[in-house]
């Protein structure tokens, strides 16, 4: 019988590998994970006077991107179409995602829903959401 040295870190690594393997599988094996769509990568940042959202949407015309605001929820939606149907050759390898996407963001109370700018340039959708003017504290005189 061979002695096997106990290494707790290797058990943790095995557990981590199993979790990673589960999520790297085809999502069709896990209906709860399968969304049938893709999501663009998004960066959100905040400055003193605004919130900024940048979403990667290469291959999508600005007119095909829908930006809506309803009850404080900002929705970005669109569709990237597969243009390979025009090609007579057969695909050998596909890594790009196609189809509809939708992202939703709940805006904080400080966001001014009436002051949102959206533009697309070089495959990036850029949104600027201005903040509401902060109410300044004021002294109220007490009458006697």
C-alpha atoms as a PDB file:
ATOM      1  CA  UNK A   1       0.000   0.000   0.000  1.00  0.00           C
ATOM      2  CA  UNK A   2       1.377   3.400  -1.023  1.00  0.00           C
ATOM      3  CA  UNK A   3       1.286   6.320   1.336  1.00  0.00           C
ATOM      4  CA  UNK A   4      -0.524   9.374   0.018  1.00  0.00           C
ATOM      5  CA  UNK A   5       0.358  12.669   1.595  1.00  0.00           C
ATOM      6  CA  UNK A   6      -2.678  14.687   2.744  1.00  0.00           C
ATOM      7  CA  UNK A   7      -2.808  18.054   0.996  1.00  0.00           C
ATOM      8  CA  UNK A   8      -5.893  20.107   1.893  1.00  0.00           C
ATOM      9  CA  UNK A   9      -5.102  22.690  -0.779  1.00  0.00           C
ATOM     10  CA  UNK A  10      -5.345  19.993  -3.475  1.00  0.00           C
ATOM     11  CA  UNK A  11      -8.874  19.108  -2.261  1.00  0.00           C
ATOM     12  CA  UNK A  12      -9.869  22.731  -2.545  1.00  0.00           C
ATOM     13  CA  UNK A  13      -8.313  22.884  -6.015  1.00  0.00           C
ATOM     14  CA  UNK A  14     -10.264  19.771  -7.085  1.00  0.00           C
ATOM     15  CA  UNK A  15     -13.508  21.331  -5.842  1.00  0.00           C
ATOM     16  CA  UNK A  16     -12.696  24.545  -7.699  1.00  0.00           C
ATOM     17  CA  UNK A  17     -11.948  22.582 -10.882  1.00  0.00           C
ATOM     18  CA  UNK A  18     -15.295  20.772 -10.670  1.00  0.00           C
ATOM     19  CA  UNK A  19     -17.197  24.044 -10.242  1.00  0.00           C
ATOM     20  CA  UNK A  20     -15.333  25.566 -13.201  1.00  0.00           C
ATOM     21  CA  UNK A  21     -15.982  22.484 -15.323  1.00  0.00           C
ATOM     22  CA  UNK A  22     -19.713  22.717 -14.598  1.00  0.00           C
ATOM     23  CA  UNK A  23     -19.851  26.307 -15.852  1.00  0.00           C
ATOM     24  CA  UNK A  24     -17.631  25.701 -18.862  1.00  0.00           C
ATOM     25  CA  UNK A  25     -19.886  22.985 -20.250  1.00  0.00           C
ATOM     26  CA  UNK A  26     -22.416  23.667 -22.916  1.00  0.00           C
ATOM     27  CA  UNK A  27     -25.249  25.502 -21.169  1.00  0.00           C
ATOM     28  CA  UNK A  28     -27.774  23.326 -23.011  1.00  0.00           C
ATOM     29  CA  UNK A  29     -26.897  20.690 -20.376  1.00  0.00           C
ATOM     30  CA  UNK A  30     -28.183  23.085 -17.704  1.00  0.00           C
ATOM     31  CA  UNK A  31     -31.520  24.640 -18.762  1.00  0.00           C
ATOM     32  CA  UNK A  32     -31.431  27.076 -15.841  1.00  0.00           C
ATOM     33  CA  UNK A  33     -28.175  28.546 -17.182  1.00  0.00           C
ATOM     34  CA  UNK A  34     -29.159  28.592 -20.847  1.00  0.00           C
ATOM     35  CA  UNK A  35     -30.378  32.019 -21.885  1.00  0.00           C
ATOM     36  CA  UNK A  36     -30.358  31.641 -25.653  1.00  0.00           C
ATOM     37  CA  UNK A  37     -28.857  35.120 -25.965  1.00  0.00           C
ATOM     38  CA  UNK A  38     -25.643  36.985 -25.356  1.00  0.00           C
ATOM     39  CA  UNK A  39     -24.845  39.951 -23.161  1.00  0.00           C
ATOM     40  CA  UNK A  40     -22.455  42.725 -24.118  1.00  0.00           C
ATOM     41  CA  UNK A  41     -19.653  43.518 -21.689  1.00  0.00           C
ATOM     42  CA  UNK A  42     -20.484  46.663 -19.698  1.00  0.00           C
ATOM     43  CA  UNK A  43     -18.528  49.164 -17.613  1.00  0.00           C
ATOM     44  CA  UNK A  44     -20.354  51.458 -15.184  1.00  0.00           C
ATOM     45  CA  UNK A  45     -18.653  54.374 -13.491  1.00  0.00           C
ATOM     46  CA  UNK A  46     -19.777  57.261 -11.337  1.00  0.00           C
ATOM     47  CA  UNK A  47     -18.467  60.783 -11.094  1.00  0.00           C
ATOM     48  CA  UNK A  48     -19.594  63.663  -8.918  1.00  0.00           C
ATOM     49  CA  UNK A  49     -22.184  64.817 -11.468  1.00  0.00           C
ATOM     50  CA  UNK A  50     -23.112  61.738 -13.552  1.00  0.00           C
ATOM     51  CA  UNK A  51     -23.200  57.980 -14.091  1.00  0.00           C
ATOM     52  CA  UNK A  52     -21.606  56.556 -17.238  1.00  0.00           C
ATOM     53  CA  UNK A  53     -22.379  53.216 -18.869  1.00  0.00           C
ATOM     54  CA  UNK A  54     -20.341  51.809 -21.744  1.00  0.00           C
ATOM     55  CA  UNK A  55     -21.456  48.621 -23.491  1.00  0.00           C
ATOM     56  CA  UNK A  56     -19.540  46.728 -26.177  1.00  0.00           C
ATOM     57  CA  UNK A  57     -21.858  46.303 -29.170  1.00  0.00           C
ATOM     58  CA  UNK A  58     -19.616  45.726 -32.218  1.00  0.00           C
ATOM     59  CA  UNK A  59     -21.390  44.949 -35.459  1.00  0.00           C
ATOM     60  CA  UNK A  60     -24.653  46.591 -34.392  1.00  0.00           C
ATOM     61  CA  UNK A  61     -25.881  49.750 -36.079  1.00  0.00           C
ATOM     62  CA  UNK A  62     -26.871  52.548 -33.654  1.00  0.00           C
ATOM     63  CA  UNK A  63     -30.407  52.562 -35.129  1.00  0.00           C
ATOM     64  CA  UNK A  64     -30.768  48.900 -34.080  1.00  0.00           C
ATOM     65  CA  UNK A  65     -30.019  49.603 -30.396  1.00  0.00           C
ATOM     66  CA  UNK A  66     -32.984  50.303 -28.140  1.00  0.00           C
ATOM     67  CA  UNK A  67     -32.495  52.305 -24.941  1.00  0.00           C
ATOM     68  CA  UNK A  68     -35.544  52.770 -22.710  1.00  0.00           C
ATOM     69  CA  UNK A  69     -36.211  54.004 -19.197  1.00  0.00           C
ATOM     70  CA  UNK A  70     -39.260  52.774 -17.291  1.00  0.00           C
ATOM     71  CA  UNK A  71     -39.848  53.258 -13.560  1.00  0.00           C
ATOM     72  CA  UNK A  72     -36.170  53.771 -12.821  1.00  0.00           C
ATOM     73  CA  UNK A  73     -34.983  50.762 -14.852  1.00  0.00           C
ATOM     74  CA  UNK A  74     -32.714  51.491 -17.810  1.00  0.00           C
ATOM     75  CA  UNK A  75     -32.970  48.833 -20.530  1.00  0.00           C
ATOM     76  CA  UNK A  76     -30.458  48.280 -23.335  1.00  0.00           C
ATOM     77  CA  UNK A  77     -31.564  45.900 -26.088  1.00  0.00           C
ATOM     78  CA  UNK A  78     -30.627  45.008 -29.635  1.00  0.00           C
ATOM     79  CA  UNK A  79     -29.623  42.231 -31.952  1.00  0.00           C
ATOM     80  CA  UNK A  80     -26.421  41.219 -33.700  1.00  0.00           C
ATOM     81  CA  UNK A  81     -27.184  39.352 -36.892  1.00  0.00           C
ATOM     82  CA  UNK A  82     -25.074  36.564 -38.348  1.00  0.00           C
ATOM     83  CA  UNK A  83     -23.889  37.810 -41.744  1.00  0.00           C
ATOM     84  CA  UNK A  84     -22.263  34.492 -42.638  1.00  0.00           C
ATOM     85  CA  UNK A  85     -25.353  33.467 -44.602  1.00  0.00           C
ATOM     86  CA  UNK A  86     -24.072  35.653 -47.452  1.00  0.00           C
ATOM     87  CA  UNK A  87     -20.841  33.664 -47.653  1.00  0.00           C
ATOM     88  CA  UNK A  88     -20.797  30.575 -49.863  1.00  0.00           C
ATOM     89  CA  UNK A  89     -18.107  28.876 -47.743  1.00  0.00           C
ATOM     90  CA  UNK A  90     -18.846  26.722 -44.723  1.00  0.00           C
ATOM     91  CA  UNK A  91     -17.927  27.894 -41.252  1.00  0.00           C
ATOM     92  CA  UNK A  92     -15.039  26.040 -39.648  1.00  0.00           C
ATOM     93  CA  UNK A  93     -14.975  27.735 -36.259  1.00  0.00           C
ATOM     94  CA  UNK A  94     -17.361  30.146 -34.511  1.00  0.00           C
ATOM     95  CA  UNK A  95     -16.592  32.190 -31.399  1.00  0.00           C
ATOM     96  CA  UNK A  96     -18.734  35.287 -31.960  1.00  0.00           C
ATOM     97  CA  UNK A  97     -22.162  35.472 -30.373  1.00  0.00           C
ATOM     98  CA  UNK A  98     -25.217  36.415 -32.400  1.00  0.00           C
ATOM     99  CA  UNK A  99     -28.826  37.095 -31.619  1.00  0.00           C
ATOM    100  CA  UNK A 100     -30.741  39.347 -29.245  1.00  0.00           C
ATOM    101  CA  UNK A 101     -29.330  40.875 -26.114  1.00  0.00           C
ATOM    102  CA  UNK A 102     -30.871  42.756 -23.237  1.00  0.00           C
ATOM    103  CA  UNK A 103     -29.310  44.380 -20.188  1.00  0.00           C
ATOM    104  CA  UNK A 104     -31.192  46.138 -17.385  1.00  0.00           C
ATOM    105  CA  UNK A 105     -29.881  48.563 -14.786  1.00  0.00           C
ATOM    106  CA  UNK A 106     -31.807  49.943 -11.831  1.00  0.00           C
ATOM    107  CA  UNK A 107     -30.861  53.586 -11.565  1.00  0.00           C
ATOM    108  CA  UNK A 108     -30.300  55.124  -8.137  1.00  0.00           C
ATOM    109  CA  UNK A 109     -32.646  57.857  -6.896  1.00  0.00           C
ATOM    110  CA  UNK A 110     -29.958  60.452  -7.589  1.00  0.00           C
ATOM    111  CA  UNK A 111     -30.079  59.750 -11.354  1.00  0.00           C
ATOM    112  CA  UNK A 112     -31.972  62.266 -13.497  1.00  0.00           C
ATOM    113  CA  UNK A 113     -34.086  60.143 -15.844  1.00  0.00           C
ATOM    114  CA  UNK A 114     -34.903  63.216 -17.939  1.00  0.00           C
ATOM    115  CA  UNK A 115     -31.244  63.930 -18.645  1.00  0.00           C
ATOM    116  CA  UNK A 116     -29.778  60.879 -20.396  1.00  0.00           C
ATOM    117  CA  UNK A 117     -27.572  61.005 -23.479  1.00  0.00           C
ATOM    118  CA  UNK A 118     -26.796  57.953 -25.635  1.00  0.00           C
ATOM    119  CA  UNK A 119     -24.393  57.618 -28.535  1.00  0.00           C
ATOM    120  CA  UNK A 120     -22.603  54.775 -30.285  1.00  0.00           C
ATOM    121  CA  UNK A 121     -19.120  55.047 -31.687  1.00  0.00           C
ATOM    122  CA  UNK A 122     -16.649  52.405 -32.849  1.00  0.00           C
ATOM    123  CA  UNK A 123     -18.754  49.544 -31.500  1.00  0.00           C
ATOM    124  CA  UNK A 124     -19.276  51.019 -28.023  1.00  0.00           C
ATOM    125  CA  UNK A 125     -22.616  52.326 -26.753  1.00  0.00           C
ATOM    126  CA  UNK A 126     -21.953  55.230 -24.393  1.00  0.00           C
ATOM    127  CA  UNK A 127     -24.597  56.526 -22.002  1.00  0.00           C
ATOM    128  CA  UNK A 128     -24.290  59.571 -19.754  1.00  0.00           C
ATOM    129  CA  UNK A 129     -26.897  59.831 -17.003  1.00  0.00           C
ATOM    130  CA  UNK A 130     -26.717  63.132 -15.175  1.00  0.00           C
ATOM    131  CA  UNK A 131     -27.391  63.307 -11.460  1.00  0.00           C
ATOM    132  CA  UNK A 132     -30.164  65.418  -9.990  1.00  0.00           C
ATOM    133  CA  UNK A 133     -29.072  68.611  -8.340  1.00  0.00           C
ATOM    134  CA  UNK A 134     -28.480  67.815  -4.701  1.00  0.00           C
ATOM    135  CA  UNK A 135     -30.727  69.683  -2.358  1.00  0.00           C
ATOM    136  CA  UNK A 136     -28.702  71.874  -0.058  1.00  0.00           C
ATOM    137  CA  UNK A 137     -29.504  71.979   3.646  1.00  0.00           C
ATOM    138  CA  UNK A 138     -31.052  75.240   4.723  1.00  0.00           C
ATOM    139  CA  UNK A 139     -31.884  76.767   8.031  1.00  0.00           C
ATOM    140  CA  UNK A 140     -35.545  77.214   8.844  1.00  0.00           C
ATOM    141  CA  UNK A 141     -36.301  79.942  11.283  1.00  0.00           C
ATOM    142  CA  UNK A 142     -38.552  79.025  14.174  1.00  0.00           C
ATOM    143  CA  UNK A 143     -41.211  81.608  14.891  1.00  0.00           C
ATOM    144  CA  UNK A 144     -41.886  82.391  18.518  1.00  0.00           C
END
